[in-house]
Amino acid sequence: MTKILIVDDERDVELLFRQKFRKEVRSGLLELAFAFSGSEALRLLDSEHPPEVVYVFSDINMPGMTGLELLEKIKRQFPAINVSMISAYGDTENFKKAMDSGAREFFTKPIDFDSLRKEIGKIINQE
């Protein structure tokens, strides 16, 4: 089973992801975890040795720790974890910062769940 962590300060994102990946979760392919801040995400990753999460999908614009700051911390502490960023703005500055910091992929809102499903499929097949 592949465990992915979705990090977003908007709590309705959890319901959206649970609906979009209901089949994968039910069939035991995916386990979804949620954090609503960067610091909560790091606490969750720190609580498992080694972390079970293989893919983090994080919003960039969050109060407190931004998604880009979270990306840098995850890449420093857990280099094997894949991280993709999501932003409401497809701005090139954030895209460049995210990719330079080691992001695997960059998505813009509204999320293209078909693209995300393909991305997760690639990661599942690497395990």
N, C-alpha and C. Protein backbone atom coordinates (compact mmCIF):
# COMPACT_ATOMS: atom_id res chain seq x y z
N MET A 1 0.84 -1.18 0.00
CA MET A 1 0.00 0.00 0.00
C MET A 1 0.89 1.25 0.00
N THR A 2 0.51 2.21 -0.79
CA THR A 2 1.25 3.46 -0.89
C THR A 2 0.56 4.52 -0.04
N LYS A 3 1.33 5.15 0.84
CA LYS A 3 0.76 6.18 1.69
C LYS A 3 1.17 7.55 1.16
N ILE A 4 0.17 8.40 0.89
CA ILE A 4 0.46 9.76 0.46
C ILE A 4 -0.09 10.74 1.48
N LEU A 5 0.59 11.86 1.60
CA LEU A 5 0.22 12.90 2.56
C LEU A 5 -0.16 14.15 1.78
N ILE A 6 -1.36 14.66 2.05
CA ILE A 6 -1.82 15.88 1.42
C ILE A 6 -1.78 16.98 2.47
N VAL A 7 -1.10 18.09 2.13
CA VAL A 7 -0.93 19.19 3.08
C VAL A 7 -1.60 20.43 2.49
N ASP A 8 -2.62 20.92 3.17
CA ASP A 8 -3.34 22.11 2.70
C ASP A 8 -4.08 22.71 3.88
N ASP A 9 -4.06 24.04 3.99
CA ASP A 9 -4.75 24.67 5.12
C ASP A 9 -6.26 24.71 4.91
N GLU A 10 -6.73 24.40 3.71
CA GLU A 10 -8.18 24.36 3.46
C GLU A 10 -8.67 22.93 3.73
N ARG A 11 -9.49 22.80 4.77
CA ARG A 11 -9.89 21.46 5.20
C ARG A 11 -10.80 20.74 4.21
N ASP A 12 -11.50 21.47 3.34
CA ASP A 12 -12.39 20.80 2.39
C ASP A 12 -11.60 19.99 1.35
N VAL A 13 -10.30 20.22 1.29
CA VAL A 13 -9.45 19.46 0.37
C VAL A 13 -9.47 17.97 0.74
N GLU A 14 -9.58 17.68 2.05
CA GLU A 14 -9.60 16.28 2.48
C GLU A 14 -10.78 15.54 1.85
N LEU A 15 -11.96 16.14 1.91
CA LEU A 15 -13.16 15.51 1.34
C LEU A 15 -12.98 15.30 -0.16
N LEU A 16 -12.45 16.30 -0.84
CA LEU A 16 -12.23 16.23 -2.29
C LEU A 16 -11.31 15.05 -2.64
N PHE A 17 -10.18 14.94 -1.95
CA PHE A 17 -9.24 13.85 -2.22
C PHE A 17 -9.85 12.49 -1.88
N ARG A 18 -10.59 12.43 -0.77
CA ARG A 18 -11.21 11.15 -0.39
C ARG A 18 -12.22 10.71 -1.45
N GLN A 19 -12.95 11.67 -2.05
CA GLN A 19 -13.90 11.33 -3.11
C GLN A 19 -13.16 10.88 -4.37
N LYS A 20 -12.13 11.63 -4.77
CA LYS A 20 -11.43 11.38 -6.03
C LYS A 20 -10.65 10.07 -6.00
N PHE A 21 -10.19 9.66 -4.83
CA PHE A 21 -9.37 8.44 -4.72
C PHE A 21 -10.08 7.33 -3.94
N ARG A 22 -11.41 7.42 -3.89
CA ARG A 22 -12.19 6.44 -3.13
C ARG A 22 -11.90 5.01 -3.58
N LYS A 23 -11.86 4.79 -4.91
CA LYS A 23 -11.63 3.45 -5.45
C LYS A 23 -10.25 2.91 -5.05
N GLU A 24 -9.22 3.76 -5.17
CA GLU A 24 -7.85 3.33 -4.84
C GLU A 24 -7.71 3.02 -3.35
N VAL A 25 -8.38 3.83 -2.51
CA VAL A 25 -8.31 3.61 -1.06
C VAL A 25 -9.06 2.32 -0.71
N ARG A 26 -10.24 2.15 -1.29
CA ARG A 26 -11.04 0.96 -0.99
C ARG A 26 -10.34 -0.32 -1.41
N SER A 27 -9.62 -0.26 -2.54
CA SER A 27 -8.96 -1.47 -3.04
C SER A 27 -7.61 -1.71 -2.34
N GLY A 28 -7.21 -0.82 -1.43
CA GLY A 28 -5.98 -1.03 -0.69
C GLY A 28 -4.72 -0.57 -1.41
N LEU A 29 -4.87 0.11 -2.53
CA LEU A 29 -3.71 0.63 -3.26
C LEU A 29 -3.10 1.84 -2.57
N LEU A 30 -3.98 2.70 -2.05
CA LEU A 30 -3.55 3.96 -1.47
C LEU A 30 -4.04 4.12 -0.05
N GLU A 31 -3.21 4.78 0.74
CA GLU A 31 -3.64 5.25 2.06
C GLU A 31 -3.43 6.76 2.04
N LEU A 32 -4.46 7.51 2.41
CA LEU A 32 -4.35 8.97 2.41
C LEU A 32 -4.19 9.47 3.84
N ALA A 33 -3.24 10.39 4.01
CA ALA A 33 -3.06 11.07 5.29
C ALA A 33 -3.18 12.57 5.00
N PHE A 34 -3.63 13.33 5.98
CA PHE A 34 -3.83 14.76 5.78
C PHE A 34 -3.20 15.56 6.90
N ALA A 35 -2.61 16.69 6.53
CA ALA A 35 -2.09 17.66 7.51
C ALA A 35 -2.57 19.02 7.04
N PHE A 36 -2.87 19.88 7.99
CA PHE A 36 -3.45 21.18 7.64
C PHE A 36 -2.49 22.34 7.86
N SER A 37 -1.21 21.98 8.06
CA SER A 37 -0.14 23.00 8.14
C SER A 37 1.19 22.29 7.87
N GLY A 38 2.20 23.08 7.54
CA GLY A 38 3.52 22.52 7.31
C GLY A 38 4.07 21.85 8.55
N SER A 39 3.88 22.50 9.72
CA SER A 39 4.44 21.92 10.94
C SER A 39 3.72 20.62 11.31
N GLU A 40 2.41 20.55 11.05
CA GLU A 40 1.67 19.30 11.31
C GLU A 40 2.18 18.19 10.38
N ALA A 41 2.50 18.54 9.14
CA ALA A 41 3.03 17.55 8.18
C ALA A 41 4.37 17.01 8.67
N LEU A 42 5.25 17.89 9.14
CA LEU A 42 6.56 17.44 9.63
C LEU A 42 6.41 16.56 10.86
N ARG A 43 5.49 16.92 11.76
CA ARG A 43 5.24 16.09 12.96
C ARG A 43 4.80 14.69 12.55
N LEU A 44 3.92 14.61 11.57
CA LEU A 44 3.43 13.31 11.10
C LEU A 44 4.58 12.49 10.51
N LEU A 45 5.40 13.13 9.67
CA LEU A 45 6.54 12.41 9.07
C LEU A 45 7.55 11.98 10.13
N ASP A 46 7.76 12.83 11.14
CA ASP A 46 8.71 12.51 12.22
C ASP A 46 8.22 11.38 13.12
N SER A 47 6.90 11.15 13.14
CA SER A 47 6.34 10.18 14.08
C SER A 47 6.55 8.73 13.62
N GLU A 48 6.95 8.53 12.38
CA GLU A 48 7.15 7.17 11.87
C GLU A 48 8.62 7.01 11.48
N HIS A 49 9.22 5.93 11.95
CA HIS A 49 10.64 5.69 11.61
C HIS A 49 10.79 4.34 10.94
N PRO A 50 11.12 4.29 9.65
CA PRO A 50 11.15 5.43 8.74
C PRO A 50 9.72 5.84 8.37
N PRO A 51 9.53 7.04 7.82
CA PRO A 51 8.17 7.46 7.45
C PRO A 51 7.57 6.50 6.42
N GLU A 52 6.28 6.21 6.59
CA GLU A 52 5.58 5.34 5.63
C GLU A 52 5.18 6.12 4.38
N VAL A 53 5.09 7.43 4.52
CA VAL A 53 4.66 8.28 3.40
C VAL A 53 5.72 8.26 2.30
N VAL A 54 5.28 8.04 1.06
CA VAL A 54 6.22 8.05 -0.06
C VAL A 54 6.02 9.26 -0.96
N TYR A 55 4.89 9.95 -0.78
CA TYR A 55 4.58 11.07 -1.65
C TYR A 55 3.84 12.13 -0.85
N VAL A 56 4.33 13.37 -0.90
CA VAL A 56 3.67 14.49 -0.24
C VAL A 56 3.17 15.44 -1.33
N PHE A 57 1.94 15.84 -1.19
CA PHE A 57 1.30 16.74 -2.13
C PHE A 57 0.92 17.98 -1.33
N SER A 58 1.64 19.09 -1.51
CA SER A 58 1.47 20.24 -0.62
C SER A 58 1.08 21.52 -1.36
N ASP A 59 0.16 22.24 -0.75
CA ASP A 59 -0.19 23.57 -1.22
C ASP A 59 1.01 24.49 -0.94
N ILE A 60 1.21 25.49 -1.77
CA ILE A 60 2.30 26.44 -1.55
C ILE A 60 1.89 27.53 -0.56
N ASN A 61 0.71 28.09 -0.78
CA ASN A 61 0.27 29.24 0.02
C ASN A 61 -0.50 28.80 1.26
N MET A 62 0.24 28.74 2.38
CA MET A 62 -0.38 28.38 3.65
C MET A 62 0.14 29.35 4.70
N PRO A 63 -0.69 29.65 5.72
CA PRO A 63 -0.20 30.51 6.80
C PRO A 63 0.90 29.78 7.58
N GLY A 64 1.78 30.53 8.19
CA GLY A 64 2.90 29.92 8.92
C GLY A 64 3.94 29.45 7.93
N MET A 65 4.26 28.18 7.98
CA MET A 65 5.25 27.60 7.07
C MET A 65 4.63 27.45 5.67
N THR A 66 5.28 28.01 4.66
CA THR A 66 4.75 27.86 3.30
C THR A 66 5.07 26.46 2.77
N GLY A 67 4.41 26.10 1.69
CA GLY A 67 4.69 24.81 1.06
C GLY A 67 6.12 24.71 0.57
N LEU A 68 6.70 25.84 0.11
CA LEU A 68 8.08 25.81 -0.36
C LEU A 68 9.05 25.56 0.80
N GLU A 69 8.76 26.17 1.96
CA GLU A 69 9.60 25.91 3.15
C GLU A 69 9.47 24.45 3.58
N LEU A 70 8.25 23.93 3.53
CA LEU A 70 8.02 22.53 3.87
C LEU A 70 8.78 21.61 2.91
N LEU A 71 8.73 21.92 1.63
CA LEU A 71 9.45 21.14 0.62
C LEU A 71 10.93 21.06 0.95
N GLU A 72 11.54 22.19 1.28
CA GLU A 72 12.98 22.20 1.60
C GLU A 72 13.28 21.34 2.82
N LYS A 73 12.41 21.44 3.85
CA LYS A 73 12.64 20.65 5.07
C LYS A 73 12.48 19.16 4.80
N ILE A 74 11.46 18.79 4.02
CA ILE A 74 11.25 17.36 3.72
C ILE A 74 12.44 16.83 2.92
N LYS A 75 12.89 17.60 1.92
CA LYS A 75 14.01 17.14 1.09
C LYS A 75 15.29 17.01 1.90
N ARG A 76 15.45 17.84 2.92
CA ARG A 76 16.64 17.76 3.77
C ARG A 76 16.54 16.56 4.73
N GLN A 77 15.37 16.39 5.36
CA GLN A 77 15.21 15.33 6.36
C GLN A 77 14.89 13.96 5.76
N PHE A 78 14.11 13.97 4.69
CA PHE A 78 13.61 12.71 4.11
C PHE A 78 13.80 12.74 2.60
N PRO A 79 15.03 12.68 2.13
CA PRO A 79 15.29 12.85 0.68
C PRO A 79 14.59 11.84 -0.22
N ALA A 80 14.20 10.69 0.31
CA ALA A 80 13.56 9.67 -0.53
C ALA A 80 12.09 9.97 -0.81
N ILE A 81 11.49 10.88 -0.05
CA ILE A 81 10.06 11.16 -0.23
C ILE A 81 9.88 12.10 -1.42
N ASN A 82 8.99 11.72 -2.32
CA ASN A 82 8.63 12.58 -3.45
C ASN A 82 7.68 13.66 -2.97
N VAL A 83 7.87 14.88 -3.46
CA VAL A 83 7.01 15.99 -3.07
C VAL A 83 6.56 16.72 -4.32
N SER A 84 5.26 16.94 -4.43
CA SER A 84 4.73 17.79 -5.50
C SER A 84 4.02 18.96 -4.87
N MET A 85 4.06 20.08 -5.58
CA MET A 85 3.47 21.31 -5.05
C MET A 85 2.19 21.64 -5.81
N ILE A 86 1.31 22.37 -5.12
CA ILE A 86 0.10 22.87 -5.77
C ILE A 86 -0.07 24.35 -5.43
N SER A 87 -0.47 25.11 -6.41
CA SER A 87 -0.66 26.54 -6.20
C SER A 87 -1.91 26.98 -6.95
N ALA A 88 -2.59 27.96 -6.37
CA ALA A 88 -3.75 28.52 -7.06
C ALA A 88 -3.29 29.39 -8.23
N TYR A 89 -2.02 29.72 -8.21
CA TYR A 89 -1.48 30.59 -9.25
C TYR A 89 -0.41 29.83 -10.01
N GLY A 90 -0.52 29.77 -11.32
CA GLY A 90 0.49 29.07 -12.10
C GLY A 90 1.66 29.98 -12.38
N ASP A 91 2.14 30.65 -11.32
CA ASP A 91 3.20 31.63 -11.56
C ASP A 91 4.55 30.97 -11.71
N THR A 92 5.33 31.51 -12.63
CA THR A 92 6.61 30.90 -12.96
C THR A 92 7.60 30.99 -11.81
N GLU A 93 7.49 32.01 -10.97
CA GLU A 93 8.44 32.16 -9.86
C GLU A 93 8.32 30.99 -8.88
N ASN A 94 7.08 30.70 -8.45
CA ASN A 94 6.87 29.57 -7.54
C ASN A 94 7.21 28.25 -8.21
N PHE A 95 6.87 28.13 -9.49
CA PHE A 95 7.20 26.90 -10.22
C PHE A 95 8.71 26.68 -10.20
N LYS A 96 9.47 27.72 -10.53
CA LYS A 96 10.92 27.61 -10.58
C LYS A 96 11.50 27.28 -9.20
N LYS A 97 11.01 27.99 -8.16
CA LYS A 97 11.49 27.73 -6.79
C LYS A 97 11.21 26.29 -6.39
N ALA A 98 10.01 25.82 -6.69
CA ALA A 98 9.62 24.46 -6.31
C ALA A 98 10.50 23.43 -7.02
N MET A 99 10.68 23.60 -8.32
CA MET A 99 11.48 22.62 -9.08
C MET A 99 12.96 22.67 -8.65
N ASP A 100 13.47 23.88 -8.40
CA ASP A 100 14.86 24.03 -7.95
C ASP A 100 15.06 23.39 -6.57
N SER A 101 14.00 23.36 -5.77
CA SER A 101 14.10 22.80 -4.42
C SER A 101 13.84 21.30 -4.39
N GLY A 102 13.61 20.70 -5.55
CA GLY A 102 13.46 19.24 -5.59
C GLY A 102 12.05 18.72 -5.74
N ALA A 103 11.10 19.60 -6.08
CA ALA A 103 9.73 19.12 -6.28
C ALA A 103 9.70 18.18 -7.48
N ARG A 104 8.86 17.18 -7.37
CA ARG A 104 8.71 16.22 -8.46
C ARG A 104 7.80 16.81 -9.55
N GLU A 105 6.75 17.50 -9.12
CA GLU A 105 5.76 18.01 -10.07
C GLU A 105 5.13 19.27 -9.48
N PHE A 106 4.50 20.05 -10.33
CA PHE A 106 3.86 21.29 -9.91
C PHE A 106 2.46 21.32 -10.52
N PHE A 107 1.44 21.38 -9.68
CA PHE A 107 0.06 21.40 -10.15
C PHE A 107 -0.57 22.75 -9.82
N THR A 108 -1.51 23.18 -10.64
CA THR A 108 -2.25 24.40 -10.33
C THR A 108 -3.70 24.04 -10.04
N LYS A 109 -4.33 24.86 -9.21
CA LYS A 109 -5.75 24.66 -8.89
C LYS A 109 -6.58 25.24 -10.02
N PRO A 110 -7.73 24.68 -10.36
CA PRO A 110 -8.24 23.43 -9.80
C PRO A 110 -7.38 22.24 -10.25
N ILE A 111 -7.24 21.28 -9.35
CA ILE A 111 -6.35 20.15 -9.60
C ILE A 111 -6.88 19.27 -10.73
N ASP A 112 -5.99 18.91 -11.62
CA ASP A 112 -6.31 17.94 -12.67
C ASP A 112 -6.05 16.56 -12.07
N PHE A 113 -7.12 15.93 -11.59
CA PHE A 113 -6.96 14.66 -10.87
C PHE A 113 -6.50 13.52 -11.78
N ASP A 114 -6.77 13.62 -13.08
CA ASP A 114 -6.25 12.58 -13.99
C ASP A 114 -4.73 12.63 -14.03
N SER A 115 -4.17 13.84 -14.12
CA SER A 115 -2.70 14.00 -14.11
C SER A 115 -2.13 13.53 -12.78
N LEU A 116 -2.79 13.89 -11.69
CA LEU A 116 -2.32 13.49 -10.37
C LEU A 116 -2.37 11.97 -10.22
N ARG A 117 -3.43 11.36 -10.71
CA ARG A 117 -3.56 9.90 -10.62
C ARG A 117 -2.42 9.22 -11.39
N LYS A 118 -2.07 9.76 -12.56
CA LYS A 118 -0.94 9.21 -13.34
C LYS A 118 0.36 9.35 -12.56
N GLU A 119 0.56 10.51 -11.94
CA GLU A 119 1.77 10.77 -11.16
C GLU A 119 1.88 9.77 -10.01
N ILE A 120 0.78 9.57 -9.29
CA ILE A 120 0.77 8.63 -8.16
C ILE A 120 1.01 7.20 -8.68
N GLY A 121 0.45 6.89 -9.85
CA GLY A 121 0.66 5.57 -10.45
C GLY A 121 2.13 5.31 -10.72
N LYS A 122 2.84 6.32 -11.21
CA LYS A 122 4.29 6.18 -11.46
C LYS A 122 5.03 5.87 -10.16
N ILE A 123 4.65 6.55 -9.09
CA ILE A 123 5.30 6.35 -7.80
C ILE A 123 4.98 4.96 -7.25
N ILE A 124 3.73 4.53 -7.37
CA ILE A 124 3.35 3.19 -6.89
C ILE A 124 4.18 2.13 -7.63
N ASN A 125 4.37 2.32 -8.92
CA ASN A 125 5.11 1.34 -9.72
C ASN A 125 6.62 1.34 -9.43
N GLN A 126 7.12 2.41 -8.82
CA GLN A 126 8.55 2.47 -8.46
C GLN A 126 8.84 1.68 -7.20
N GLU A 127 7.83 1.50 -6.37
CA GLU A 127 8.07 0.86 -5.07
C GLU A 127 8.45 -0.59 -5.22
